[in-house]
Amino acid sequence: MPKIVIYTGRLCPYCTMAKKLFERKGVSYAEIDVDSQPNLRQELIQKTRRRTVPQIFIGDRHIGGFDDLHALDMQQQLDPLLLD
């Protein structure tokens, strides 16, 4: 199973929904709270060129935000990514 990383913020409902989706699937993830340290948000921007959270990575693949994750799930394309 590839490593899953979610960049999150403290008061972000989309971050919560992304984490719950992975939990429903029984998948573990690493969470990086960008609100806890300013340099983490800068790291996020450098990696993704986006400022918003969540930003989700499955292995080396940048998925995007919750809407992107949810769309993959609805198209039945998420589970195969989780098995690689």
N, C-alpha and C. Protein backbone atom coordinates (compact mmCIF):
# COMPACT_ATOMS: atom_id res chain seq x y z
N MET A 1 0.85 -1.18 0.00
CA MET A 1 0.00 0.00 0.00
C MET A 1 0.89 1.25 0.00
N PRO A 2 0.60 2.20 -0.87
CA PRO A 2 1.40 3.42 -0.91
C PRO A 2 1.15 4.29 0.32
N LYS A 3 2.12 5.12 0.64
CA LYS A 3 1.98 6.05 1.75
C LYS A 3 1.02 7.16 1.35
N ILE A 4 0.11 7.49 2.26
CA ILE A 4 -0.86 8.57 2.03
C ILE A 4 -0.51 9.72 2.97
N VAL A 5 -0.41 10.90 2.41
CA VAL A 5 -0.11 12.10 3.19
C VAL A 5 -1.19 13.13 2.90
N ILE A 6 -1.73 13.71 3.98
CA ILE A 6 -2.75 14.76 3.86
C ILE A 6 -2.25 16.00 4.58
N TYR A 7 -2.08 17.08 3.83
CA TYR A 7 -1.79 18.38 4.43
C TYR A 7 -3.14 18.96 4.85
N THR A 8 -3.25 19.32 6.14
CA THR A 8 -4.52 19.77 6.68
C THR A 8 -4.38 21.09 7.42
N GLY A 9 -5.53 21.66 7.76
CA GLY A 9 -5.63 22.83 8.62
C GLY A 9 -6.59 22.51 9.75
N ARG A 10 -6.47 23.22 10.83
CA ARG A 10 -7.25 22.90 12.05
C ARG A 10 -8.76 23.01 11.88
N LEU A 11 -9.22 24.03 11.22
CA LEU A 11 -10.67 24.28 11.13
C LEU A 11 -11.21 24.00 9.74
N CYS A 12 -10.69 22.98 9.10
CA CYS A 12 -11.02 22.70 7.71
C CYS A 12 -12.00 21.52 7.61
N PRO A 13 -13.25 21.78 7.24
CA PRO A 13 -14.21 20.68 7.13
C PRO A 13 -13.87 19.70 5.99
N TYR A 14 -13.25 20.20 4.93
CA TYR A 14 -12.88 19.31 3.82
C TYR A 14 -11.76 18.36 4.23
N CYS A 15 -10.89 18.84 5.11
CA CYS A 15 -9.83 17.98 5.65
C CYS A 15 -10.45 16.84 6.45
N THR A 16 -11.43 17.17 7.26
CA THR A 16 -12.13 16.16 8.07
C THR A 16 -12.81 15.14 7.16
N MET A 17 -13.45 15.61 6.09
CA MET A 17 -14.13 14.69 5.18
C MET A 17 -13.14 13.76 4.48
N ALA A 18 -11.97 14.29 4.10
CA ALA A 18 -10.95 13.47 3.45
C ALA A 18 -10.46 12.38 4.41
N LYS A 19 -10.19 12.77 5.65
CA LYS A 19 -9.71 11.80 6.64
C LYS A 19 -10.77 10.74 6.90
N LYS A 20 -12.03 11.14 6.98
CA LYS A 20 -13.11 10.17 7.22
C LYS A 20 -13.27 9.21 6.05
N LEU A 21 -13.07 9.70 4.83
CA LEU A 21 -13.16 8.81 3.67
C LEU A 21 -12.08 7.72 3.76
N PHE A 22 -10.86 8.11 4.08
CA PHE A 22 -9.80 7.12 4.23
C PHE A 22 -10.08 6.17 5.40
N GLU A 23 -10.62 6.70 6.49
CA GLU A 23 -10.93 5.85 7.64
C GLU A 23 -12.01 4.83 7.29
N ARG A 24 -13.03 5.25 6.53
CA ARG A 24 -14.08 4.31 6.09
C ARG A 24 -13.50 3.19 5.25
N LYS A 25 -12.47 3.50 4.50
CA LYS A 25 -11.82 2.50 3.65
C LYS A 25 -10.79 1.68 4.43
N GLY A 26 -10.57 2.02 5.69
CA GLY A 26 -9.62 1.28 6.51
C GLY A 26 -8.17 1.55 6.15
N VAL A 27 -7.91 2.75 5.64
CA VAL A 27 -6.58 3.11 5.16
C VAL A 27 -5.94 4.09 6.14
N SER A 28 -4.69 3.88 6.47
CA SER A 28 -3.99 4.81 7.35
C SER A 28 -3.34 5.90 6.52
N TYR A 29 -3.08 7.03 7.16
CA TYR A 29 -2.50 8.18 6.48
C TYR A 29 -1.66 8.97 7.47
N ALA A 30 -0.75 9.75 6.92
CA ALA A 30 0.04 10.69 7.72
C ALA A 30 -0.58 12.07 7.53
N GLU A 31 -0.79 12.77 8.62
CA GLU A 31 -1.39 14.10 8.57
C GLU A 31 -0.34 15.14 8.89
N ILE A 32 -0.27 16.17 8.06
CA ILE A 32 0.64 17.29 8.30
C ILE A 32 -0.22 18.53 8.48
N ASP A 33 -0.26 19.05 9.70
CA ASP A 33 -1.07 20.23 10.04
C ASP A 33 -0.26 21.48 9.71
N VAL A 34 -0.63 22.16 8.63
CA VAL A 34 0.12 23.33 8.19
C VAL A 34 -0.10 24.54 9.09
N ASP A 35 -1.12 24.50 9.96
CA ASP A 35 -1.35 25.60 10.89
C ASP A 35 -0.36 25.56 12.06
N SER A 36 0.23 24.41 12.30
CA SER A 36 1.10 24.27 13.47
C SER A 36 2.47 24.93 13.29
N GLN A 37 2.93 25.04 12.04
CA GLN A 37 4.23 25.65 11.76
C GLN A 37 4.17 26.35 10.41
N PRO A 38 4.53 27.63 10.36
CA PRO A 38 4.45 28.39 9.11
C PRO A 38 5.26 27.77 7.97
N ASN A 39 6.38 27.16 8.27
CA ASN A 39 7.21 26.59 7.20
C ASN A 39 6.51 25.42 6.51
N LEU A 40 5.57 24.77 7.18
CA LEU A 40 4.86 23.66 6.56
C LEU A 40 3.93 24.14 5.44
N ARG A 41 3.32 25.30 5.62
CA ARG A 41 2.47 25.84 4.56
C ARG A 41 3.35 26.20 3.35
N GLN A 42 4.52 26.74 3.60
CA GLN A 42 5.43 27.06 2.50
C GLN A 42 5.85 25.79 1.76
N GLU A 43 6.08 24.71 2.52
CA GLU A 43 6.41 23.41 1.91
C GLU A 43 5.26 22.94 1.02
N LEU A 44 4.03 23.10 1.51
CA LEU A 44 2.84 22.73 0.75
C LEU A 44 2.78 23.50 -0.56
N ILE A 45 2.98 24.79 -0.49
CA ILE A 45 2.92 25.64 -1.69
C ILE A 45 3.99 25.24 -2.69
N GLN A 46 5.18 24.94 -2.22
CA GLN A 46 6.26 24.53 -3.12
C GLN A 46 5.95 23.20 -3.79
N LYS A 47 5.34 22.28 -3.05
CA LYS A 47 5.03 20.96 -3.61
C LYS A 47 3.87 20.98 -4.59
N THR A 48 2.86 21.81 -4.29
CA THR A 48 1.61 21.72 -5.04
C THR A 48 1.26 22.97 -5.85
N ARG A 49 1.90 24.09 -5.53
CA ARG A 49 1.54 25.39 -6.10
C ARG A 49 0.11 25.78 -5.74
N ARG A 50 -0.36 25.24 -4.64
CA ARG A 50 -1.69 25.57 -4.11
C ARG A 50 -1.54 25.99 -2.66
N ARG A 51 -2.47 26.84 -2.21
CA ARG A 51 -2.42 27.34 -0.85
C ARG A 51 -3.49 26.70 0.04
N THR A 52 -4.43 26.02 -0.57
CA THR A 52 -5.57 25.51 0.18
C THR A 52 -5.31 24.10 0.72
N VAL A 53 -6.04 23.77 1.77
CA VAL A 53 -6.02 22.43 2.33
C VAL A 53 -7.42 21.85 2.24
N PRO A 54 -7.55 20.55 2.17
CA PRO A 54 -6.47 19.58 2.21
C PRO A 54 -5.77 19.47 0.86
N GLN A 55 -4.54 19.01 0.91
CA GLN A 55 -3.82 18.58 -0.28
C GLN A 55 -3.38 17.15 0.01
N ILE A 56 -3.72 16.26 -0.89
CA ILE A 56 -3.59 14.82 -0.64
C ILE A 56 -2.61 14.20 -1.62
N PHE A 57 -1.73 13.38 -1.07
CA PHE A 57 -0.78 12.62 -1.87
C PHE A 57 -0.99 11.14 -1.60
N ILE A 58 -1.02 10.35 -2.65
CA ILE A 58 -1.02 8.89 -2.53
C ILE A 58 0.25 8.44 -3.23
N GLY A 59 1.19 7.95 -2.45
CA GLY A 59 2.52 7.67 -2.98
C GLY A 59 3.11 8.98 -3.47
N ASP A 60 3.66 8.99 -4.66
CA ASP A 60 4.24 10.21 -5.24
C ASP A 60 3.22 11.03 -6.01
N ARG A 61 2.00 10.53 -6.11
CA ARG A 61 0.96 11.20 -6.91
C ARG A 61 0.20 12.23 -6.10
N HIS A 62 0.16 13.46 -6.60
CA HIS A 62 -0.62 14.53 -5.97
C HIS A 62 -2.06 14.39 -6.45
N ILE A 63 -2.96 14.10 -5.54
CA ILE A 63 -4.37 13.92 -5.88
C ILE A 63 -5.08 15.26 -5.99
N GLY A 64 -4.74 16.18 -5.10
CA GLY A 64 -5.41 17.46 -5.04
C GLY A 64 -6.16 17.58 -3.73
N GLY A 65 -7.32 18.23 -3.77
CA GLY A 65 -8.12 18.43 -2.57
C GLY A 65 -9.19 17.36 -2.39
N PHE A 66 -10.10 17.63 -1.46
CA PHE A 66 -11.15 16.65 -1.17
C PHE A 66 -12.03 16.41 -2.38
N ASP A 67 -12.39 17.46 -3.11
CA ASP A 67 -13.25 17.27 -4.29
C ASP A 67 -12.61 16.31 -5.29
N ASP A 68 -11.30 16.43 -5.47
CA ASP A 68 -10.59 15.54 -6.38
C ASP A 68 -10.58 14.10 -5.85
N LEU A 69 -10.37 13.97 -4.56
CA LEU A 69 -10.38 12.65 -3.93
C LEU A 69 -11.75 12.00 -4.05
N HIS A 70 -12.78 12.77 -3.75
CA HIS A 70 -14.15 12.25 -3.81
C HIS A 70 -14.52 11.85 -5.25
N ALA A 71 -14.11 12.66 -6.22
CA ALA A 71 -14.39 12.34 -7.62
C ALA A 71 -13.73 11.02 -8.02
N LEU A 72 -12.49 10.81 -7.59
CA LEU A 72 -11.81 9.54 -7.86
C LEU A 72 -12.58 8.37 -7.26
N ASP A 73 -13.07 8.58 -6.04
CA ASP A 73 -13.82 7.52 -5.37
C ASP A 73 -15.12 7.22 -6.11
N MET A 74 -15.83 8.26 -6.53
CA MET A 74 -17.09 8.07 -7.24
C MET A 74 -16.89 7.40 -8.59
N GLN A 75 -15.74 7.63 -9.22
CA GLN A 75 -15.43 7.02 -10.51
C GLN A 75 -14.77 5.65 -10.35
N GLN A 76 -14.73 5.19 -9.11
CA GLN A 76 -14.13 3.88 -8.77
C GLN A 76 -12.67 3.80 -9.18
N GLN A 77 -11.97 4.93 -9.13
CA GLN A 77 -10.55 4.97 -9.46
C GLN A 77 -9.66 5.12 -8.24
N LEU A 78 -10.26 5.31 -7.06
CA LEU A 78 -9.47 5.50 -5.85
C LEU A 78 -8.92 4.19 -5.31
N ASP A 79 -9.77 3.18 -5.20
CA ASP A 79 -9.33 1.91 -4.61
C ASP A 79 -8.11 1.31 -5.31
N PRO A 80 -8.05 1.32 -6.65
CA PRO A 80 -6.83 0.80 -7.29
C PRO A 80 -5.57 1.57 -6.89
N LEU A 81 -5.70 2.88 -6.66
CA LEU A 81 -4.53 3.66 -6.23
C LEU A 81 -4.07 3.25 -4.84
N LEU A 82 -5.02 2.85 -4.01
CA LEU A 82 -4.69 2.47 -2.64
C LEU A 82 -4.03 1.10 -2.57
N LEU A 83 -4.16 0.30 -3.61
CA LEU A 83 -3.61 -1.05 -3.63
C LEU A 83 -2.21 -1.12 -4.21
N ASP A 84 -1.78 -0.07 -4.93
CA ASP A 84 -0.46 -0.11 -5.57
C ASP A 84 0.66 -0.29 -4.56
